[in-house]
Structure formats: structure tokens, C-alpha cells
Amino acid sequence: MYNHFSKLFALHYIKDVKAASAVMGWMHADVSNGLRYYSPKNAEILHILCEYDAKAKGLYATNNSSNSDLMKELVYKVMH
């Protein structure tokens, strides 16, 4: 997921998004939707993804959350 969002945020700064998305193997229509919903001001998503990756690996463990609980929290934070 981190790879996907980092590329999506990078596309905001590229002039020819259609050509760049083709190089990445992405469909331009899918990229357009992603660019519309996630702007650079949402870049904290990258931080959230790194945080939850670390939690899933046992770092920052403060409780006994299962991986499914962590995934639910992650999706909620990314969507809101």
C-alpha cells in the first residue's frame, strides 16, 4: 500500500500524468480517480502506513491487537 500511495502522491507533481501512469503500468482513469480523492495534503497516509507496518511487526506494542484489528484501524485512518 505504501508503494501505491507514494507513487500516487508523486504524480501530483508530474506534468504529464497520463504518460507517467502508463510507465508505472497504471490505467489513467484509475489514476485520475486516485488523484481526485488523495491530494498531497493527505500525505500523512504514508506516515500512517509506516506506523501500522511497524505495529504489525511488534514495534510500539501497547496492547495485544491482532493483525485484523490493526488492519481495521489502518483502513479507518486512511479513509478518514
PDB file of N, CA and C in Angstrom:
ATOM      1  N   MET A   1       0.819  -1.191   0.000  1.00  0.00           N
ATOM      2  CA  MET A   1       0.000   0.000   0.000  1.00  0.00           C
ATOM      3  C   MET A   1       0.864   1.258   0.000  1.00  0.00           C
ATOM      4  N   TYR A   2       1.970   1.188   0.743  1.00  0.00           N
ATOM      5  CA  TYR A   2       2.862   2.352   0.797  1.00  0.00           C
ATOM      6  C   TYR A   2       3.352   2.712  -0.602  1.00  0.00           C
ATOM      7  N   ASN A   3       3.757   1.711  -1.364  1.00  0.00           N
ATOM      8  CA  ASN A   3       4.253   1.921  -2.722  1.00  0.00           C
ATOM      9  C   ASN A   3       3.182   2.592  -3.584  1.00  0.00           C
ATOM     10  N   HIS A   4       1.961   2.120  -3.467  1.00  0.00           N
ATOM     11  CA  HIS A   4       0.854   2.675  -4.249  1.00  0.00           C
ATOM     12  C   HIS A   4       0.639   4.150  -3.920  1.00  0.00           C
ATOM     13  N   PHE A   5       0.509   4.470  -2.638  1.00  0.00           N
ATOM     14  CA  PHE A   5       0.230   5.852  -2.253  1.00  0.00           C
ATOM     15  C   PHE A   5       1.420   6.769  -2.524  1.00  0.00           C
ATOM     16  N   SER A   6       2.648   6.292  -2.352  1.00  0.00           N
ATOM     17  CA  SER A   6       3.800   7.149  -2.621  1.00  0.00           C
ATOM     18  C   SER A   6       3.861   7.514  -4.104  1.00  0.00           C
ATOM     19  N   LYS A   7       3.570   6.557  -4.980  1.00  0.00           N
ATOM     20  CA  LYS A   7       3.528   6.862  -6.415  1.00  0.00           C
ATOM     21  C   LYS A   7       2.384   7.811  -6.739  1.00  0.00           C
ATOM     22  N   LEU A   8       1.246   7.600  -6.110  1.00  0.00           N
ATOM     23  CA  LEU A   8       0.086   8.459  -6.351  1.00  0.00           C
ATOM     24  C   LEU A   8       0.390   9.898  -5.964  1.00  0.00           C
ATOM     25  N   PHE A   9       1.015  10.100  -4.801  1.00  0.00           N
ATOM     26  CA  PHE A   9       1.345  11.459  -4.375  1.00  0.00           C
ATOM     27  C   PHE A   9       2.414  12.068  -5.266  1.00  0.00           C
ATOM     28  N   ALA A  10       3.344  11.271  -5.761  1.00  0.00           N
ATOM     29  CA  ALA A  10       4.376  11.783  -6.664  1.00  0.00           C
ATOM     30  C   ALA A  10       3.762  12.267  -7.972  1.00  0.00           C
ATOM     31  N   LEU A  11       2.714  11.615  -8.425  1.00  0.00           N
ATOM     32  CA  LEU A  11       2.075  12.011  -9.687  1.00  0.00           C
ATOM     33  C   LEU A  11       1.468  13.410  -9.631  1.00  0.00           C
ATOM     34  N   HIS A  12       1.186  13.910  -8.457  1.00  0.00           N
ATOM     35  CA  HIS A  12       0.653  15.269  -8.340  1.00  0.00           C
ATOM     36  C   HIS A  12       1.660  16.312  -8.823  1.00  0.00           C
ATOM     37  N   TYR A  13       2.940  15.975  -8.833  1.00  0.00           N
ATOM     38  CA  TYR A  13       3.980  16.927  -9.181  1.00  0.00           C
ATOM     39  C   TYR A  13       4.549  16.700 -10.578  1.00  0.00           C
ATOM     40  N   ILE A  14       3.957  15.783 -11.334  1.00  0.00           N
ATOM     41  CA  ILE A  14       4.416  15.483 -12.688  1.00  0.00           C
ATOM     42  C   ILE A  14       3.438  16.098 -13.677  1.00  0.00           C
ATOM     43  N   LYS A  15       3.973  16.778 -14.681  1.00  0.00           N
ATOM     44  CA  LYS A  15       3.107  17.485 -15.632  1.00  0.00           C
ATOM     45  C   LYS A  15       2.318  16.533 -16.524  1.00  0.00           C
ATOM     46  N   ASP A  16       2.946  15.496 -17.034  1.00  0.00           N
ATOM     47  CA  ASP A  16       2.268  14.575 -17.940  1.00  0.00           C
ATOM     48  C   ASP A  16       1.862  13.310 -17.176  1.00  0.00           C
ATOM     49  N   VAL A  17       0.762  13.412 -16.453  1.00  0.00           N
ATOM     50  CA  VAL A  17       0.299  12.317 -15.595  1.00  0.00           C
ATOM     51  C   VAL A  17      -0.068  11.093 -16.424  1.00  0.00           C
ATOM     52  N   LYS A  18      -0.643  11.299 -17.592  1.00  0.00           N
ATOM     53  CA  LYS A  18      -1.054  10.173 -18.428  1.00  0.00           C
ATOM     54  C   LYS A  18       0.156   9.333 -18.836  1.00  0.00           C
ATOM     55  N   ALA A  19       1.211   9.981 -19.276  1.00  0.00           N
ATOM     56  CA  ALA A  19       2.418   9.250 -19.684  1.00  0.00           C
ATOM     57  C   ALA A  19       3.092   8.597 -18.477  1.00  0.00           C
ATOM     58  N   ALA A  20       3.159   9.305 -17.367  1.00  0.00           N
ATOM     59  CA  ALA A  20       3.807   8.763 -16.164  1.00  0.00           C
ATOM     60  C   ALA A  20       3.047   7.560 -15.631  1.00  0.00           C
ATOM     61  N   SER A  21       1.721   7.626 -15.651  1.00  0.00           N
ATOM     62  CA  SER A  21       0.938   6.494 -15.152  1.00  0.00           C
ATOM     63  C   SER A  21       1.098   5.285 -16.070  1.00  0.00           C
ATOM     64  N   ALA A  22       1.259   5.528 -17.365  1.00  0.00           N
ATOM     65  CA  ALA A  22       1.470   4.426 -18.306  1.00  0.00           C
ATOM     66  C   ALA A  22       2.818   3.747 -18.039  1.00  0.00           C
ATOM     67  N   VAL A  23       3.829   4.531 -17.709  1.00  0.00           N
ATOM     68  CA  VAL A  23       5.145   3.977 -17.401  1.00  0.00           C
ATOM     69  C   VAL A  23       5.056   3.078 -16.166  1.00  0.00           C
ATOM     70  N   MET A  24       4.221   3.472 -15.203  1.00  0.00           N
ATOM     71  CA  MET A  24       4.053   2.678 -13.980  1.00  0.00           C
ATOM     72  C   MET A  24       3.141   1.482 -14.184  1.00  0.00           C
ATOM     73  N   GLY A  25       2.494   1.413 -15.356  1.00  0.00           N
ATOM     74  CA  GLY A  25       1.588   0.303 -15.625  1.00  0.00           C
ATOM     75  C   GLY A  25       0.201   0.510 -15.045  1.00  0.00           C
ATOM     76  N   TRP A  26      -0.140   1.741 -14.772  1.00  0.00           N
ATOM     77  CA  TRP A  26      -1.453   2.060 -14.213  1.00  0.00           C
ATOM     78  C   TRP A  26      -2.367   2.578 -15.305  1.00  0.00           C
ATOM     79  N   MET A  27      -3.651   2.306 -15.168  1.00  0.00           N
ATOM     80  CA  MET A  27      -4.651   2.840 -16.089  1.00  0.00           C
ATOM     81  C   MET A  27      -4.892   4.308 -15.744  1.00  0.00           C
ATOM     82  N   HIS A  28      -4.898   5.179 -16.745  1.00  0.00           N
ATOM     83  CA  HIS A  28      -5.039   6.611 -16.492  1.00  0.00           C
ATOM     84  C   HIS A  28      -6.344   6.934 -15.762  1.00  0.00           C
ATOM     85  N   ALA A  29      -7.431   6.251 -16.098  1.00  0.00           N
ATOM     86  CA  ALA A  29      -8.709   6.529 -15.436  1.00  0.00           C
ATOM     87  C   ALA A  29      -8.625   6.230 -13.937  1.00  0.00           C
ATOM     88  N   ASP A  30      -7.945   5.140 -13.569  1.00  0.00           N
ATOM     89  CA  ASP A  30      -7.774   4.806 -12.154  1.00  0.00           C
ATOM     90  C   ASP A  30      -6.923   5.850 -11.449  1.00  0.00           C
ATOM     91  N   VAL A  31      -5.879   6.309 -12.128  1.00  0.00           N
ATOM     92  CA  VAL A  31      -5.004   7.321 -11.553  1.00  0.00           C
ATOM     93  C   VAL A  31      -5.770   8.621 -11.362  1.00  0.00           C
ATOM     94  N   SER A  32      -6.587   8.998 -12.324  1.00  0.00           N
ATOM     95  CA  SER A  32      -7.359  10.229 -12.214  1.00  0.00           C
ATOM     96  C   SER A  32      -8.266  10.198 -10.992  1.00  0.00           C
ATOM     97  N   ASN A  33      -8.903   9.058 -10.759  1.00  0.00           N
ATOM     98  CA  ASN A  33      -9.751   8.944  -9.567  1.00  0.00           C
ATOM     99  C   ASN A  33      -8.921   9.058  -8.299  1.00  0.00           C
ATOM    100  N   GLY A  34      -7.781   8.404  -8.266  1.00  0.00           N
ATOM    101  CA  GLY A  34      -6.910   8.476  -7.098  1.00  0.00           C
ATOM    102  C   GLY A  34      -6.418   9.885  -6.835  1.00  0.00           C
ATOM    103  N   LEU A  35      -6.057  10.596  -7.890  1.00  0.00           N
ATOM    104  CA  LEU A  35      -5.588  11.967  -7.741  1.00  0.00           C
ATOM    105  C   LEU A  35      -6.700  12.880  -7.229  1.00  0.00           C
ATOM    106  N   ARG A  36      -7.912  12.574  -7.608  1.00  0.00           N
ATOM    107  CA  ARG A  36      -9.046  13.379  -7.163  1.00  0.00           C
ATOM    108  C   ARG A  36      -9.312  13.170  -5.671  1.00  0.00           C
ATOM    109  N   TYR A  37      -9.185  11.937  -5.201  1.00  0.00           N
ATOM    110  CA  TYR A  37      -9.518  11.625  -3.812  1.00  0.00           C
ATOM    111  C   TYR A  37      -8.361  11.834  -2.839  1.00  0.00           C
ATOM    112  N   TYR A  38      -7.131  11.710  -3.303  1.00  0.00           N
ATOM    113  CA  TYR A  38      -5.968  11.824  -2.423  1.00  0.00           C
ATOM    114  C   TYR A  38      -5.019  12.885  -2.965  1.00  0.00           C
ATOM    115  N   SER A  39      -4.978  14.013  -2.305  1.00  0.00           N
ATOM    116  CA  SER A  39      -4.092  15.101  -2.709  1.00  0.00           C
ATOM    117  C   SER A  39      -2.852  15.103  -1.820  1.00  0.00           C
ATOM    118  N   PRO A  40      -1.850  15.914  -2.151  1.00  0.00           N
ATOM    119  CA  PRO A  40      -0.645  15.961  -1.319  1.00  0.00           C
ATOM    120  C   PRO A  40      -0.937  16.319   0.141  1.00  0.00           C
ATOM    121  N   LYS A  41      -2.030  16.999   0.407  1.00  0.00           N
ATOM    122  CA  LYS A  41      -2.352  17.317   1.806  1.00  0.00           C
ATOM    123  C   LYS A  41      -2.715  16.046   2.587  1.00  0.00           C
ATOM    124  N   ASN A  42      -2.972  14.944   1.889  1.00  0.00           N
ATOM    125  CA  ASN A  42      -3.256  13.660   2.538  1.00  0.00           C
ATOM    126  C   ASN A  42      -1.994  12.803   2.680  1.00  0.00           C
ATOM    127  N   ALA A  43      -0.845  13.393   2.528  1.00  0.00           N
ATOM    128  CA  ALA A  43       0.405  12.634   2.565  1.00  0.00           C
ATOM    129  C   ALA A  43       0.671  11.994   3.923  1.00  0.00           C
ATOM    130  N   GLU A  44      -0.069  12.385   4.954  1.00  0.00           N
ATOM    131  CA  GLU A  44       0.093  11.734   6.261  1.00  0.00           C
ATOM    132  C   GLU A  44      -0.284  10.261   6.182  1.00  0.00           C
ATOM    133  N   ILE A  45      -0.965   9.868   5.115  1.00  0.00           N
ATOM    134  CA  ILE A  45      -1.285   8.456   4.894  1.00  0.00           C
ATOM    135  C   ILE A  45      -0.001   7.629   4.854  1.00  0.00           C
ATOM    136  N   LEU A  46       1.053   8.182   4.278  1.00  0.00           N
ATOM    137  CA  LEU A  46       2.325   7.458   4.211  1.00  0.00           C
ATOM    138  C   LEU A  46       2.857   7.202   5.620  1.00  0.00           C
ATOM    139  N   HIS A  47       2.733   8.188   6.483  1.00  0.00           N
ATOM    140  CA  HIS A  47       3.161   8.017   7.875  1.00  0.00           C
ATOM    141  C   HIS A  47       2.318   6.952   8.578  1.00  0.00           C
ATOM    142  N   ILE A  48       1.017   6.992   8.348  1.00  0.00           N
ATOM    143  CA  ILE A  48       0.106   6.010   8.961  1.00  0.00           C
ATOM    144  C   ILE A  48       0.461   4.603   8.497  1.00  0.00           C
ATOM    145  N   LEU A  49       0.745   4.434   7.218  1.00  0.00           N
ATOM    146  CA  LEU A  49       1.116   3.115   6.698  1.00  0.00           C
ATOM    147  C   LEU A  49       2.404   2.605   7.338  1.00  0.00           C
ATOM    148  N   CYS A  50       3.382   3.473   7.491  1.00  0.00           N
ATOM    149  CA  CYS A  50       4.637   3.068   8.143  1.00  0.00           C
ATOM    150  C   CYS A  50       4.394   2.700   9.603  1.00  0.00           C
ATOM    151  N   GLU A  51       3.569   3.490  10.277  1.00  0.00           N
ATOM    152  CA  GLU A  51       3.256   3.227  11.685  1.00  0.00           C
ATOM    153  C   GLU A  51       2.600   1.858  11.864  1.00  0.00           C
ATOM    154  N   TYR A  52       1.614   1.562  11.032  1.00  0.00           N
ATOM    155  CA  TYR A  52       0.903   0.297  11.180  1.00  0.00           C
ATOM    156  C   TYR A  52       1.723  -0.892  10.700  1.00  0.00           C
ATOM    157  N   ASP A  53       2.638  -0.654   9.779  1.00  0.00           N
ATOM    158  CA  ASP A  53       3.565  -1.712   9.388  1.00  0.00           C
ATOM    159  C   ASP A  53       4.440  -2.085  10.585  1.00  0.00           C
ATOM    160  N   ALA A  54       4.933  -1.086  11.285  1.00  0.00           N
ATOM    161  CA  ALA A  54       5.754  -1.331  12.473  1.00  0.00           C
ATOM    162  C   ALA A  54       4.944  -2.028  13.564  1.00  0.00           C
ATOM    163  N   LYS A  55       3.708  -1.595  13.770  1.00  0.00           N
ATOM    164  CA  LYS A  55       2.856  -2.231  14.779  1.00  0.00           C
ATOM    165  C   LYS A  55       2.609  -3.699  14.445  1.00  0.00           C
ATOM    166  N   ALA A  56       2.406  -3.994  13.179  1.00  0.00           N
ATOM    167  CA  ALA A  56       2.160  -5.383  12.768  1.00  0.00           C
ATOM    168  C   ALA A  56       3.397  -6.250  13.006  1.00  0.00           C
ATOM    169  N   LYS A  57       4.566  -5.613  13.003  1.00  0.00           N
ATOM    170  CA  LYS A  57       5.813  -6.343  13.231  1.00  0.00           C
ATOM    171  C   LYS A  57       6.188  -6.392  14.709  1.00  0.00           C
ATOM    172  N   GLY A  58       5.320  -5.813  15.576  1.00  0.00           N
ATOM    173  CA  GLY A  58       5.551  -5.888  17.009  1.00  0.00           C
ATOM    174  C   GLY A  58       6.179  -4.661  17.636  1.00  0.00           C
ATOM    175  N   LEU A  59       6.507  -3.652  16.860  1.00  0.00           N
ATOM    176  CA  LEU A  59       7.054  -2.419  17.411  1.00  0.00           C
ATOM    177  C   LEU A  59       5.921  -1.550  17.937  1.00  0.00           C
ATOM    178  N   TYR A  60       6.200  -0.742  18.901  1.00  0.00           N
ATOM    179  CA  TYR A  60       5.208   0.156  19.511  1.00  0.00           C
ATOM    180  C   TYR A  60       4.041  -0.614  20.108  1.00  0.00           C
ATOM    181  N   ALA A  61       4.261  -1.855  20.480  1.00  0.00           N
ATOM    182  CA  ALA A  61       3.178  -2.695  21.001  1.00  0.00           C
ATOM    183  C   ALA A  61       2.775  -2.205  22.393  1.00  0.00           C
ATOM    184  N   THR A  62       1.510  -1.768  22.499  1.00  0.00           N
ATOM    185  CA  THR A  62       0.983  -1.340  23.791  1.00  0.00           C
ATOM    186  C   THR A  62      -0.175  -2.217  24.231  1.00  0.00           C
ATOM    187  N   ASN A  63      -0.681  -3.003  23.311  1.00  0.00           N
ATOM    188  CA  ASN A  63      -1.765  -3.935  23.651  1.00  0.00           C
ATOM    189  C   ASN A  63      -1.637  -5.175  22.783  1.00  0.00           C
ATOM    190  N   ASN A  64      -2.544  -6.078  22.923  1.00  0.00           N
ATOM    191  CA  ASN A  64      -2.486  -7.336  22.167  1.00  0.00           C
ATOM    192  C   ASN A  64      -3.408  -7.291  20.956  1.00  0.00           C
ATOM    193  N   SER A  65      -3.233  -6.296  20.108  1.00  0.00           N
ATOM    194  CA  SER A  65      -4.066  -6.176  18.914  1.00  0.00           C
ATOM    195  C   SER A  65      -3.681  -7.245  17.899  1.00  0.00           C
ATOM    196  N   SER A  66      -4.699  -7.862  17.321  1.00  0.00           N
ATOM    197  CA  SER A  66      -4.431  -8.837  16.259  1.00  0.00           C
ATOM    198  C   SER A  66      -4.174  -8.089  14.955  1.00  0.00           C
ATOM    199  N   ASN A  67      -3.638  -8.790  13.979  1.00  0.00           N
ATOM    200  CA  ASN A  67      -3.405  -8.168  12.678  1.00  0.00           C
ATOM    201  C   ASN A  67      -4.696  -7.684  12.040  1.00  0.00           C
ATOM    202  N   SER A  68      -5.794  -8.411  12.258  1.00  0.00           N
ATOM    203  CA  SER A  68      -7.071  -7.962  11.680  1.00  0.00           C
ATOM    204  C   SER A  68      -7.544  -6.679  12.354  1.00  0.00           C
ATOM    205  N   ASP A  69      -7.315  -6.545  13.661  1.00  0.00           N
ATOM    206  CA  ASP A  69      -7.673  -5.299  14.349  1.00  0.00           C
ATOM    207  C   ASP A  69      -6.829  -4.139  13.829  1.00  0.00           C
ATOM    208  N   LEU A  70      -5.543  -4.393  13.643  1.00  0.00           N
ATOM    209  CA  LEU A  70      -4.663  -3.359  13.103  1.00  0.00           C
ATOM    210  C   LEU A  70      -5.095  -2.949  11.699  1.00  0.00           C
ATOM    211  N   MET A  71      -5.485  -3.932  10.881  1.00  0.00           N
ATOM    212  CA  MET A  71      -5.923  -3.625   9.513  1.00  0.00           C
ATOM    213  C   MET A  71      -7.189  -2.771   9.533  1.00  0.00           C
ATOM    214  N   LYS A  72      -8.122  -3.088  10.419  1.00  0.00           N
ATOM    215  CA  LYS A  72      -9.351  -2.295  10.526  1.00  0.00           C
ATOM    216  C   LYS A  72      -9.027  -0.857  10.917  1.00  0.00           C
ATOM    217  N   GLU A  73      -8.127  -0.676  11.902  1.00  0.00           N
ATOM    218  CA  GLU A  73      -7.725   0.665  12.322  1.00  0.00           C
ATOM    219  C   GLU A  73      -7.051   1.406  11.175  1.00  0.00           C
ATOM    220  N   LEU A  74      -6.179   0.713  10.465  1.00  0.00           N
ATOM    221  CA  LEU A  74      -5.460   1.314   9.354  1.00  0.00           C
ATOM    222  C   LEU A  74      -6.423   1.804   8.279  1.00  0.00           C
ATOM    223  N   VAL A  75      -7.337   0.952   7.877  1.00  0.00           N
ATOM    224  CA  VAL A  75      -8.297   1.339   6.831  1.00  0.00           C
ATOM    225  C   VAL A  75      -9.133   2.527   7.291  1.00  0.00           C
ATOM    226  N   TYR A  76      -9.556   2.514   8.545  1.00  0.00           N
ATOM    227  CA  TYR A  76     -10.348   3.629   9.070  1.00  0.00           C
ATOM    228  C   TYR A  76      -9.560   4.924   8.996  1.00  0.00           C
ATOM    229  N   LYS A  77      -8.301   4.898   9.438  1.00  0.00           N
ATOM    230  CA  LYS A  77      -7.488   6.120   9.435  1.00  0.00           C
ATOM    231  C   LYS A  77      -7.208   6.618   8.023  1.00  0.00           C
ATOM    232  N   VAL A  78      -6.977   5.703   7.097  1.00  0.00           N
ATOM    233  CA  VAL A  78      -6.710   6.117   5.717  1.00  0.00           C
ATOM    234  C   VAL A  78      -7.969   6.718   5.081  1.00  0.00           C
ATOM    235  N   MET A  79      -9.114   6.161   5.389  1.00  0.00           N
ATOM    236  CA  MET A  79     -10.364   6.629   4.787  1.00  0.00           C
ATOM    237  C   MET A  79     -10.878   7.922   5.417  1.00  0.00           C
ATOM    238  N   HIS A  80     -10.438   8.231   6.612  1.00  0.00           N
ATOM    239  CA  HIS A  80     -10.951   9.442   7.280  1.00  0.00           C
ATOM    240  C   HIS A  80      -9.877  10.444   7.414  1.00  0.00           C
TER     241      HIS A  80
END
